[in-house]
N, C-alpha and C. Protein backbone atom coordinates (compact mmCIF):
# COMPACT_ATOMS: atom_id res chain seq x y z
N MET A 1 17.33 -25.15 -36.98
CA MET A 1 16.21 -24.30 -36.70
C MET A 1 16.46 -22.99 -37.69
N ASN A 2 15.43 -22.12 -37.89
CA ASN A 2 15.83 -21.15 -38.80
C ASN A 2 16.20 -19.69 -38.22
N HIS A 3 16.62 -18.80 -38.73
CA HIS A 3 17.31 -17.78 -38.29
C HIS A 3 16.32 -16.97 -37.36
N PHE A 4 14.98 -16.82 -37.97
CA PHE A 4 14.03 -16.01 -37.52
C PHE A 4 13.65 -16.52 -36.14
N LEU A 5 13.53 -17.83 -36.05
CA LEU A 5 13.09 -18.52 -34.75
C LEU A 5 14.30 -18.45 -33.60
N ASP A 6 15.66 -18.48 -34.01
CA ASP A 6 16.45 -18.13 -33.29
C ASP A 6 16.75 -16.66 -32.70
N SER A 7 16.50 -15.76 -33.49
CA SER A 7 16.38 -14.49 -33.05
C SER A 7 15.24 -14.34 -32.31
N VAL A 8 14.12 -14.70 -32.43
CA VAL A 8 12.96 -14.58 -31.47
C VAL A 8 13.32 -15.21 -30.22
N ARG A 9 14.04 -16.29 -30.11
CA ARG A 9 14.39 -17.05 -28.92
C ARG A 9 15.28 -15.87 -27.88
N ALA A 10 16.45 -15.38 -28.82
CA ALA A 10 17.08 -14.50 -28.48
C ALA A 10 16.44 -13.33 -27.77
N GLN A 11 15.49 -12.76 -28.63
CA GLN A 11 14.82 -11.63 -27.95
C GLN A 11 13.87 -11.86 -26.71
N LEU A 12 13.40 -13.03 -26.90
CA LEU A 12 12.79 -13.31 -25.55
C LEU A 12 13.50 -13.86 -24.41
N ALA A 13 14.53 -14.18 -24.56
CA ALA A 13 15.63 -14.58 -23.50
C ALA A 13 16.20 -13.12 -22.83
N ALA A 14 16.10 -12.19 -23.60
CA ALA A 14 16.83 -10.92 -23.28
C ALA A 14 15.66 -9.96 -22.48
N ARG A 15 14.59 -10.29 -22.77
CA ARG A 15 13.49 -9.60 -22.34
C ARG A 15 12.59 -10.30 -20.97
N PRO A 16 12.73 -9.70 -19.83
CA PRO A 16 11.90 -10.38 -18.68
C PRO A 16 10.52 -10.19 -18.88
N PRO A 17 9.88 -11.25 -18.75
CA PRO A 17 8.24 -11.29 -18.95
C PRO A 17 7.66 -9.95 -17.93
N GLN A 18 6.83 -9.28 -18.46
CA GLN A 18 6.07 -8.42 -17.86
C GLN A 18 4.57 -8.68 -17.57
N THR A 19 4.00 -7.93 -16.49
CA THR A 19 2.41 -8.30 -16.43
C THR A 19 1.49 -7.18 -17.29
N LYS A 20 0.75 -7.66 -18.05
CA LYS A 20 0.04 -6.87 -18.92
C LYS A 20 -1.36 -7.12 -18.32
N THR A 21 -2.08 -6.03 -18.63
CA THR A 21 -3.62 -6.06 -18.06
C THR A 21 -4.49 -5.46 -19.39
N GLU A 22 -5.64 -5.91 -19.33
CA GLU A 22 -6.58 -5.55 -20.43
C GLU A 22 -7.14 -4.13 -20.26
N TRP A 23 -6.54 -3.42 -19.22
CA TRP A 23 -7.00 -2.18 -19.07
C TRP A 23 -5.64 -1.30 -18.67
N GLU A 24 -5.58 -0.08 -18.64
CA GLU A 24 -4.49 0.77 -18.22
C GLU A 24 -4.65 0.88 -16.79
N ALA A 25 -3.46 0.25 -16.40
CA ALA A 25 -3.44 0.31 -14.86
C ALA A 25 -2.63 1.50 -14.60
N LYS A 26 -3.23 2.28 -13.75
CA LYS A 26 -2.54 3.78 -13.34
C LYS A 26 -1.45 3.53 -12.19
N PRO A 27 -0.23 3.97 -12.30
CA PRO A 27 0.70 3.84 -11.43
C PRO A 27 0.50 4.57 -10.20
N ALA A 28 0.81 3.90 -9.12
CA ALA A 28 0.48 4.89 -7.66
C ALA A 28 1.29 4.26 -6.89
N ALA A 29 1.39 4.94 -5.63
CA ALA A 29 2.14 4.16 -4.61
C ALA A 29 1.77 4.64 -3.30
N VAL A 30 1.94 3.88 -2.34
CA VAL A 30 1.67 4.36 -0.92
C VAL A 30 2.83 4.20 -0.01
N LEU A 31 2.88 5.07 1.16
CA LEU A 31 3.71 4.79 2.22
C LEU A 31 3.12 4.24 3.28
N ILE A 32 3.91 2.87 3.83
CA ILE A 32 3.52 2.14 5.04
C ILE A 32 4.50 2.91 6.00
N PRO A 33 4.00 3.78 6.94
CA PRO A 33 4.94 4.64 7.62
C PRO A 33 4.99 3.61 9.20
N LEU A 34 6.19 3.33 9.59
CA LEU A 34 6.29 2.60 10.79
C LEU A 34 6.96 3.56 11.85
N TYR A 35 6.37 3.38 12.82
CA TYR A 35 7.11 4.28 13.90
C TYR A 35 7.13 3.56 15.10
N GLN A 36 7.90 3.66 16.25
CA GLN A 36 8.09 3.05 17.67
C GLN A 36 7.69 4.08 18.81
N VAL A 37 6.59 3.30 19.62
CA VAL A 37 6.33 4.03 20.75
C VAL A 37 6.35 3.02 21.99
N GLU A 38 7.17 3.45 23.05
CA GLU A 38 7.71 2.72 24.02
C GLU A 38 8.14 0.96 23.64
N ALA A 39 9.06 1.15 22.67
CA ALA A 39 9.43 -0.06 21.98
C ALA A 39 8.35 -1.20 21.53
N GLU A 40 7.52 -0.53 21.23
CA GLU A 40 6.60 -1.30 20.40
C GLU A 40 6.40 -0.74 18.97
N TRP A 41 6.39 -1.30 17.83
CA TRP A 41 6.40 -0.93 16.53
C TRP A 41 4.82 -0.45 16.08
N GLN A 42 4.48 0.39 15.46
CA GLN A 42 3.40 0.82 15.13
C GLN A 42 3.33 0.99 13.48
N VAL A 43 2.06 1.05 13.09
CA VAL A 43 1.95 1.25 11.46
C VAL A 43 1.09 2.43 11.45
N LEU A 44 1.35 3.54 10.62
CA LEU A 44 0.49 4.73 10.78
C LEU A 44 -0.71 4.52 9.66
N LEU A 45 -1.92 4.94 10.10
CA LEU A 45 -2.77 4.96 8.87
C LEU A 45 -3.52 6.08 8.87
N THR A 46 -4.36 6.49 7.88
CA THR A 46 -5.39 7.48 7.64
C THR A 46 -6.72 7.29 7.48
N GLN A 47 -7.65 8.20 7.95
CA GLN A 47 -8.97 7.87 7.73
C GLN A 47 -9.51 8.94 6.84
N ARG A 48 -10.02 8.51 5.66
CA ARG A 48 -10.40 9.38 4.32
C ARG A 48 -11.73 10.08 4.94
N THR A 49 -12.02 11.27 4.52
CA THR A 49 -13.21 12.12 4.62
C THR A 49 -14.30 11.35 3.91
N HIS A 50 -15.56 11.69 4.20
CA HIS A 50 -16.57 11.55 3.48
C HIS A 50 -16.78 12.45 2.16
N THR A 51 -16.28 13.22 2.21
CA THR A 51 -16.44 14.37 0.95
C THR A 51 -15.45 14.21 -0.42
N VAL A 52 -14.51 13.17 0.02
CA VAL A 52 -13.58 12.80 -1.37
C VAL A 52 -14.20 11.95 -2.34
N ALA A 53 -13.93 12.16 -3.49
CA ALA A 53 -14.58 11.29 -4.57
C ALA A 53 -14.48 10.16 -4.67
N ASP A 54 -13.38 9.41 -4.18
CA ASP A 54 -13.45 7.73 -4.14
C ASP A 54 -13.02 7.41 -2.61
N HIS A 55 -13.46 6.23 -2.13
CA HIS A 55 -13.05 5.78 -0.98
C HIS A 55 -13.60 6.37 0.32
N LYS A 56 -14.66 6.97 0.19
CA LYS A 56 -15.25 7.74 1.22
C LYS A 56 -15.16 6.98 2.62
N GLY A 57 -14.51 7.69 3.72
CA GLY A 57 -14.54 7.18 4.97
C GLY A 57 -13.71 6.17 5.16
N GLN A 58 -13.02 5.42 4.02
CA GLN A 58 -12.26 4.28 4.25
C GLN A 58 -10.70 4.64 4.81
N VAL A 59 -10.29 3.68 5.52
CA VAL A 59 -8.91 3.67 6.06
C VAL A 59 -7.96 3.28 5.15
N SER A 60 -6.92 4.25 5.02
CA SER A 60 -5.68 4.01 3.98
C SER A 60 -4.66 4.32 4.48
N PHE A 61 -3.58 4.11 3.41
CA PHE A 61 -2.16 4.51 3.62
C PHE A 61 -2.04 5.76 2.79
N PRO A 62 -1.09 6.50 3.29
CA PRO A 62 -0.85 8.02 2.50
C PRO A 62 -0.36 7.58 1.25
N GLY A 63 -0.91 8.17 0.21
CA GLY A 63 -0.27 7.79 -0.98
C GLY A 63 -1.50 8.21 -2.39
N GLY A 64 -1.24 7.85 -3.40
CA GLY A 64 -1.73 8.27 -4.47
C GLY A 64 -1.08 8.15 -5.76
N ARG A 65 -1.56 8.69 -6.92
CA ARG A 65 -1.27 8.37 -8.41
C ARG A 65 0.19 8.99 -8.30
N ALA A 66 0.89 8.49 -9.23
CA ALA A 66 2.18 8.97 -9.82
C ALA A 66 1.90 10.18 -10.59
N ASP A 67 2.91 11.07 -10.25
CA ASP A 67 2.83 12.40 -11.11
C ASP A 67 4.01 12.20 -12.06
N PRO A 68 3.87 12.97 -13.27
CA PRO A 68 4.95 12.58 -14.50
C PRO A 68 6.34 13.13 -13.88
N GLN A 69 6.39 13.67 -12.95
CA GLN A 69 7.75 14.08 -12.40
C GLN A 69 8.58 13.13 -11.40
N ASP A 70 7.59 12.26 -10.96
CA ASP A 70 8.05 11.25 -10.04
C ASP A 70 8.98 10.23 -10.73
N ALA A 71 10.24 10.29 -10.51
CA ALA A 71 11.17 9.28 -11.37
C ALA A 71 10.85 7.79 -11.00
N ARG A 72 10.53 7.52 -9.65
CA ARG A 72 10.46 6.15 -9.18
C ARG A 72 9.12 6.35 -7.91
N ARG A 73 8.62 5.25 -7.81
CA ARG A 73 7.42 4.96 -7.08
C ARG A 73 7.80 5.53 -5.56
N VAL A 74 8.92 5.41 -5.25
CA VAL A 74 9.24 5.73 -3.84
C VAL A 74 9.20 7.36 -3.63
N GLU A 75 9.62 8.12 -4.53
CA GLU A 75 9.24 9.50 -4.75
C GLU A 75 7.62 9.92 -4.70
N THR A 76 6.87 9.07 -5.46
CA THR A 76 5.42 9.32 -5.29
C THR A 76 4.99 9.13 -3.75
N ALA A 77 5.26 7.96 -3.35
CA ALA A 77 4.80 7.75 -2.04
C ALA A 77 5.24 8.96 -1.02
N LEU A 78 6.58 9.20 -1.09
CA LEU A 78 7.07 10.36 -0.09
C LEU A 78 6.35 11.86 -0.55
N ARG A 79 6.33 12.14 -1.69
CA ARG A 79 5.43 13.20 -2.17
C ARG A 79 4.22 13.12 -1.66
N GLU A 80 3.62 12.14 -1.83
CA GLU A 80 1.89 12.08 -1.56
C GLU A 80 1.69 12.18 0.42
N ALA A 81 2.81 11.34 0.89
CA ALA A 81 2.68 11.59 2.47
C ALA A 81 2.87 12.79 2.92
N GLU A 82 3.69 13.70 2.21
CA GLU A 82 3.99 15.05 2.62
C GLU A 82 2.82 15.65 2.17
N GLU A 83 2.17 15.74 1.38
CA GLU A 83 1.01 16.35 0.83
C GLU A 83 -0.02 16.14 1.98
N GLU A 84 -0.44 14.72 2.09
CA GLU A 84 -1.69 14.37 2.65
C GLU A 84 -1.54 14.51 4.36
N ILE A 85 -0.40 14.31 4.94
CA ILE A 85 -0.32 14.28 6.16
C ILE A 85 0.88 14.88 6.83
N GLY A 86 1.73 15.72 5.89
CA GLY A 86 2.92 16.62 6.46
C GLY A 86 3.92 15.98 6.84
N LEU A 87 4.07 14.64 6.63
CA LEU A 87 5.18 13.85 6.99
C LEU A 87 6.32 14.23 5.98
N LYS A 88 7.25 14.89 6.27
CA LYS A 88 8.34 15.31 5.48
C LYS A 88 9.13 14.30 4.76
N ARG A 89 9.69 14.06 3.48
CA ARG A 89 10.43 13.17 2.97
C ARG A 89 11.66 12.98 3.74
N GLY A 90 12.25 14.22 4.26
CA GLY A 90 13.77 13.90 4.93
C GLY A 90 13.52 13.27 6.18
N ASP A 91 12.21 13.23 6.75
CA ASP A 91 12.19 12.53 7.96
C ASP A 91 11.89 11.06 8.00
N VAL A 92 11.72 10.64 6.65
CA VAL A 92 11.46 9.16 6.46
C VAL A 92 12.60 8.54 6.06
N THR A 93 12.87 7.13 6.78
CA THR A 93 13.88 6.25 6.40
C THR A 93 13.26 5.33 5.51
N VAL A 94 13.43 5.19 4.04
CA VAL A 94 12.82 4.19 3.37
C VAL A 94 13.59 2.95 3.62
N LEU A 95 12.88 1.67 3.85
CA LEU A 95 13.29 0.57 4.18
C LEU A 95 13.11 -0.39 2.95
N GLY A 96 12.50 -0.02 1.99
CA GLY A 96 12.05 -0.97 0.77
C GLY A 96 10.87 -0.91 0.09
N GLU A 97 10.59 -1.72 -0.91
CA GLU A 97 9.21 -1.91 -1.49
C GLU A 97 8.51 -3.26 -1.32
N LEU A 98 7.37 -3.39 -1.07
CA LEU A 98 6.68 -4.43 -1.08
C LEU A 98 6.30 -4.82 -2.38
N ASP A 99 5.68 -6.04 -2.69
CA ASP A 99 5.05 -6.27 -4.11
C ASP A 99 3.85 -5.35 -4.37
N GLU A 100 4.10 -5.07 -5.89
CA GLU A 100 2.95 -4.19 -6.55
C GLU A 100 1.59 -5.00 -6.54
N LEU A 101 0.81 -4.13 -6.28
CA LEU A 101 -0.71 -4.37 -6.15
C LEU A 101 -1.74 -3.99 -7.25
N LEU A 102 -2.07 -4.95 -8.07
CA LEU A 102 -2.88 -4.38 -8.81
C LEU A 102 -4.44 -4.55 -8.49
N THR A 103 -5.33 -3.22 -8.32
CA THR A 103 -6.24 -2.95 -7.68
C THR A 103 -7.47 -3.06 -8.57
N VAL A 104 -8.81 -3.49 -8.00
CA VAL A 104 -9.91 -3.63 -9.00
C VAL A 104 -10.36 -2.09 -9.40
N THR A 105 -9.66 -1.10 -8.70
CA THR A 105 -10.03 0.07 -9.24
C THR A 105 -9.04 0.48 -10.45
N HIS A 106 -8.43 -0.22 -10.98
CA HIS A 106 -7.38 -0.13 -11.88
C HIS A 106 -6.14 0.66 -11.65
N TYR A 107 -5.67 0.29 -10.56
CA TYR A 107 -4.31 1.16 -10.17
C TYR A 107 -3.41 -0.09 -9.87
N ARG A 108 -2.00 0.24 -10.18
CA ARG A 108 -0.92 -0.40 -9.68
C ARG A 108 -0.19 0.04 -9.05
N VAL A 109 -0.30 -0.32 -7.59
CA VAL A 109 0.14 0.26 -6.32
C VAL A 109 1.31 -0.33 -5.90
N THR A 110 2.39 0.67 -5.82
CA THR A 110 3.70 0.27 -4.96
C THR A 110 3.80 0.32 -3.68
N PRO A 111 3.62 -0.44 -2.64
CA PRO A 111 3.75 0.04 -1.39
C PRO A 111 5.32 0.06 -0.97
N VAL A 112 5.51 1.36 -0.35
CA VAL A 112 6.78 1.65 0.16
C VAL A 112 6.86 1.68 1.66
N VAL A 113 7.85 0.90 2.02
CA VAL A 113 7.83 0.74 3.74
C VAL A 113 9.03 1.61 4.20
N GLY A 114 8.39 2.69 5.09
CA GLY A 114 9.54 3.65 5.51
C GLY A 114 9.23 3.80 7.14
N ALA A 115 10.19 4.21 7.89
CA ALA A 115 10.20 4.72 9.40
C ALA A 115 10.29 6.02 9.55
N PHE A 116 9.81 6.75 10.48
CA PHE A 116 10.04 7.88 10.99
C PHE A 116 10.07 7.81 12.45
N LEU A 117 10.62 8.83 13.13
CA LEU A 117 10.55 8.95 14.66
C LEU A 117 9.44 9.63 15.40
N TRP A 118 8.95 9.07 16.47
CA TRP A 118 7.82 9.30 17.13
C TRP A 118 8.38 10.17 18.54
N PRO A 119 7.55 11.17 18.96
CA PRO A 119 6.32 11.79 18.08
C PRO A 119 6.51 12.51 17.05
N TYR A 120 5.56 12.79 16.21
CA TYR A 120 5.55 13.81 15.18
C TYR A 120 4.44 14.55 15.08
N VAL A 121 4.53 15.70 14.60
CA VAL A 121 3.31 16.75 14.42
C VAL A 121 2.85 16.58 12.89
N PHE A 122 1.76 16.08 12.71
CA PHE A 122 1.16 16.02 11.35
C PHE A 122 0.31 17.22 11.04
N THR A 123 0.28 17.33 9.78
CA THR A 123 -0.56 18.52 9.26
C THR A 123 -1.51 17.88 8.01
N LEU A 124 -2.55 17.62 8.53
CA LEU A 124 -3.66 16.99 7.70
C LEU A 124 -4.01 17.67 6.31
N SER A 125 -4.40 16.92 5.20
CA SER A 125 -4.72 17.74 4.19
C SER A 125 -6.38 17.47 4.46
N THR A 126 -7.04 18.45 5.17
CA THR A 126 -8.42 18.13 5.60
C THR A 126 -9.72 17.90 4.50
N ALA A 127 -9.31 18.11 3.24
CA ALA A 127 -9.84 17.96 2.09
C ALA A 127 -10.05 16.46 1.92
N GLU A 128 -8.93 15.75 2.13
CA GLU A 128 -8.83 14.38 1.95
C GLU A 128 -9.02 13.49 3.06
N LEU A 129 -8.47 14.02 4.30
CA LEU A 129 -8.26 13.25 5.55
C LEU A 129 -8.85 13.69 6.53
N SER A 130 -9.36 12.80 7.38
CA SER A 130 -10.14 13.31 8.77
C SER A 130 -9.34 13.04 10.02
N GLU A 131 -8.20 11.98 9.72
CA GLU A 131 -7.26 11.68 11.03
C GLU A 131 -6.31 10.76 10.60
N VAL A 132 -5.39 10.63 11.35
CA VAL A 132 -4.37 9.44 11.54
C VAL A 132 -4.34 8.82 12.75
N PHE A 133 -3.99 7.44 12.74
CA PHE A 133 -3.93 6.78 13.76
C PHE A 133 -3.08 5.61 13.68
N GLY A 134 -2.51 5.00 14.86
CA GLY A 134 -1.61 4.04 14.80
C GLY A 134 -2.13 2.69 15.22
N VAL A 135 -1.58 1.50 14.64
CA VAL A 135 -2.18 0.22 15.07
C VAL A 135 -0.65 -0.76 15.26
N PRO A 136 -0.76 -1.33 16.36
CA PRO A 136 0.42 -1.89 16.78
C PRO A 136 0.63 -2.99 15.80
N LEU A 137 2.04 -3.16 15.46
CA LEU A 137 2.28 -4.46 14.46
C LEU A 137 2.02 -5.68 15.25
N LYS A 138 2.34 -6.00 16.46
CA LYS A 138 1.82 -7.12 17.03
C LYS A 138 0.32 -7.72 17.14
N TRP A 139 -0.23 -6.56 17.26
CA TRP A 139 -1.92 -6.72 17.33
C TRP A 139 -2.04 -7.27 15.90
N LEU A 140 -1.72 -6.52 14.55
CA LEU A 140 -2.02 -6.83 13.54
C LEU A 140 -1.53 -8.41 12.97
N ALA A 141 -0.42 -8.43 13.62
CA ALA A 141 0.31 -9.97 13.43
C ALA A 141 -0.66 -11.25 13.86
N ASP A 142 -1.42 -10.89 15.14
CA ASP A 142 -2.21 -11.96 15.53
C ASP A 142 -3.01 -12.75 14.71
N PRO A 143 -3.17 -13.73 14.48
CA PRO A 143 -4.03 -14.34 13.54
C PRO A 143 -5.52 -13.98 13.75
N ALA A 144 -6.03 -14.05 15.27
CA ALA A 144 -7.05 -13.84 15.43
C ALA A 144 -7.84 -12.72 15.18
N HIS A 145 -6.83 -11.57 14.54
CA HIS A 145 -7.50 -10.21 14.39
C HIS A 145 -7.84 -10.09 12.71
N LEU A 146 -7.31 -11.28 12.13
CA LEU A 146 -7.52 -11.05 10.64
C LEU A 146 -8.78 -11.74 10.26
N GLU A 147 -9.71 -11.51 9.22
CA GLU A 147 -10.92 -11.88 8.97
C GLU A 147 -10.61 -12.01 7.37
N VAL A 148 -11.01 -13.06 6.83
CA VAL A 148 -11.02 -13.39 5.31
C VAL A 148 -12.52 -13.32 4.87
N LYS A 149 -13.07 -12.68 4.10
CA LYS A 149 -14.22 -12.75 3.44
C LYS A 149 -13.97 -13.33 1.99
N PHE A 150 -14.93 -14.25 1.62
CA PHE A 150 -14.68 -14.58 0.10
C PHE A 150 -16.08 -13.76 -0.50
N VAL A 151 -15.91 -12.99 -1.42
CA VAL A 151 -16.87 -12.32 -2.38
C VAL A 151 -16.55 -12.47 -3.79
N ASP A 152 -17.95 -12.59 -4.35
CA ASP A 152 -18.06 -12.77 -5.88
C ASP A 152 -17.69 -11.14 -6.34
N HIS A 153 -16.97 -11.17 -7.50
CA HIS A 153 -16.68 -9.84 -8.05
C HIS A 153 -17.16 -10.05 -9.39
N PRO A 154 -18.05 -9.19 -10.08
CA PRO A 154 -18.28 -9.34 -11.25
C PRO A 154 -17.45 -9.22 -12.37
N LEU A 155 -16.28 -8.64 -12.17
CA LEU A 155 -15.08 -8.50 -13.17
C LEU A 155 -14.05 -9.28 -13.10
N HIS A 156 -13.97 -9.91 -11.80
CA HIS A 156 -12.79 -10.81 -11.49
C HIS A 156 -13.06 -12.23 -10.92
N GLY A 157 -14.21 -12.54 -11.15
CA GLY A 157 -14.34 -14.04 -11.21
C GLY A 157 -15.08 -14.35 -9.67
N PRO A 158 -15.40 -15.58 -9.59
CA PRO A 158 -15.99 -15.71 -8.10
C PRO A 158 -14.99 -15.88 -6.86
N GLN A 159 -15.50 -15.57 -5.87
CA GLN A 159 -14.77 -16.07 -4.55
C GLN A 159 -13.44 -15.40 -4.64
N ILE A 160 -13.09 -14.16 -4.68
CA ILE A 160 -11.84 -13.43 -4.31
C ILE A 160 -11.80 -12.92 -3.02
N PRO A 161 -10.65 -13.31 -2.17
CA PRO A 161 -10.43 -13.04 -0.83
C PRO A 161 -10.48 -11.58 -0.54
N VAL A 162 -11.12 -11.14 0.54
CA VAL A 162 -11.03 -9.62 1.22
C VAL A 162 -10.77 -9.82 2.65
N TYR A 163 -9.82 -9.03 2.80
CA TYR A 163 -9.12 -9.23 4.11
C TYR A 163 -9.59 -8.12 4.99
N HIS A 164 -9.98 -8.13 6.30
CA HIS A 164 -10.55 -7.23 7.30
C HIS A 164 -9.83 -7.39 8.50
N PHE A 165 -9.37 -6.32 9.17
CA PHE A 165 -9.00 -6.13 10.31
C PHE A 165 -9.80 -5.24 10.92
N TYR A 166 -10.20 -5.48 12.35
CA TYR A 166 -11.39 -4.45 12.98
C TYR A 166 -10.53 -3.99 14.20
N TYR A 167 -10.16 -2.68 14.07
CA TYR A 167 -9.07 -2.37 15.32
C TYR A 167 -9.83 -1.12 15.98
N ARG A 168 -10.38 -1.35 17.05
CA ARG A 168 -10.97 -0.26 17.75
C ARG A 168 -12.40 0.00 16.93
N ASP A 169 -12.42 1.66 16.60
CA ASP A 169 -13.86 1.68 15.83
C ASP A 169 -13.42 1.72 14.34
N TYR A 170 -12.01 1.31 13.62
CA TYR A 170 -11.65 1.13 12.64
C TYR A 170 -11.79 0.14 11.73
N THR A 171 -12.30 -0.03 10.49
CA THR A 171 -12.43 -1.19 9.55
C THR A 171 -11.30 -0.97 8.78
N ILE A 172 -10.18 -1.86 8.71
CA ILE A 172 -9.26 -1.83 7.87
C ILE A 172 -9.44 -2.85 6.73
N TRP A 173 -9.57 -2.64 5.52
CA TRP A 173 -10.08 -3.85 4.48
C TRP A 173 -9.51 -3.49 2.94
N GLY A 174 -9.78 -4.37 2.02
CA GLY A 174 -9.61 -3.98 0.95
C GLY A 174 -7.86 -4.05 0.42
N ALA A 175 -7.58 -3.16 -0.45
CA ALA A 175 -6.42 -3.07 -0.85
C ALA A 175 -5.27 -2.94 0.33
N THR A 176 -5.69 -1.89 1.18
CA THR A 176 -4.80 -1.43 2.51
C THR A 176 -4.67 -2.83 3.28
N ALA A 177 -5.84 -3.71 3.61
CA ALA A 177 -5.36 -4.81 4.24
C ALA A 177 -4.58 -5.68 3.74
N ARG A 178 -4.84 -6.03 2.32
CA ARG A 178 -3.97 -6.84 1.73
C ARG A 178 -2.28 -6.44 1.71
N MET A 179 -2.19 -5.23 1.54
CA MET A 179 -0.82 -4.53 1.75
C MET A 179 -0.32 -5.09 3.31
N LEU A 180 -1.10 -4.86 4.21
CA LEU A 180 -0.91 -5.09 5.33
C LEU A 180 -0.37 -6.57 5.63
N VAL A 181 -1.29 -7.24 5.03
CA VAL A 181 -1.12 -8.69 4.86
C VAL A 181 0.39 -9.30 4.40
N ASN A 182 0.75 -8.63 3.31
CA ASN A 182 1.86 -8.71 2.54
C ASN A 182 3.31 -8.24 3.34
N PHE A 183 2.90 -7.12 4.01
CA PHE A 183 3.88 -6.64 4.96
C PHE A 183 4.23 -7.43 6.07
N LEU A 184 3.29 -8.16 6.40
CA LEU A 184 3.39 -9.05 7.81
C LEU A 184 3.93 -10.29 7.59
N GLU A 185 4.01 -10.64 6.39
CA GLU A 185 4.66 -11.72 5.92
C GLU A 185 6.31 -11.73 5.97
N VAL A 186 6.45 -10.15 5.73
CA VAL A 186 8.09 -10.12 6.10
C VAL A 186 8.40 -9.51 7.38
N ALA A 187 7.42 -8.82 8.02
CA ALA A 187 7.69 -8.56 9.57
C ALA A 187 7.52 -9.31 10.63
N LYS A 188 6.28 -10.25 10.45
CA LYS A 188 5.85 -11.25 11.57
C LYS A 188 7.08 -12.03 12.48
N PRO A 189 7.70 -12.50 11.49
CA PRO A 189 9.02 -13.33 12.11
C PRO A 189 9.95 -12.52 12.82
N LEU A 190 9.93 -11.14 12.79
CA LEU A 190 10.72 -10.20 13.42
C LEU A 190 10.18 -9.57 14.73
N LEU A 191 9.17 -9.94 14.96
CA LEU A 191 8.21 -9.01 15.93
C LEU A 191 8.16 -9.91 17.35
N GLY A 192 8.85 -11.21 17.17
CA GLY A 192 9.24 -11.88 18.37
C GLY A 192 7.81 -12.48 19.25
């Protein structure tokens, strides 16, 4: 072969493939906060206000865009959780990260799983959130509680799956539900 092709081969072998999109996906992170009540594991979720610019009234995890001073996405998730619900960084035991999610709103979201001790006094950013609530992981892990709807998306082709959980008066769907499904792939075998 020739020197150029050998050099290209060596450069490609030394560089792991990356995901590239046709748009600038903004880095973001969310915290998937776990806590235990009477020996049952719960996940904490938030309800967004109807006055925020995006995702009005939707259920989500605490989180948001990465700031330039956030060296890692874990820092983004912990900072955002502290800003949004008053969950102090030092009170969270970080367990790890799930798969990154590219959202249709052009975010590259890193879900960070962490645990904290219950009970906890939250201080909500009332401009963004109306409440926090917990959902038992065993309830989420029951396949009867997951509904998958297939919808056409004008930018991403036909028939993409959109996950839905209907818990009490809450609808958990979209990216939040997709992250829960990803987390349950890890946690479900451990729930007994």
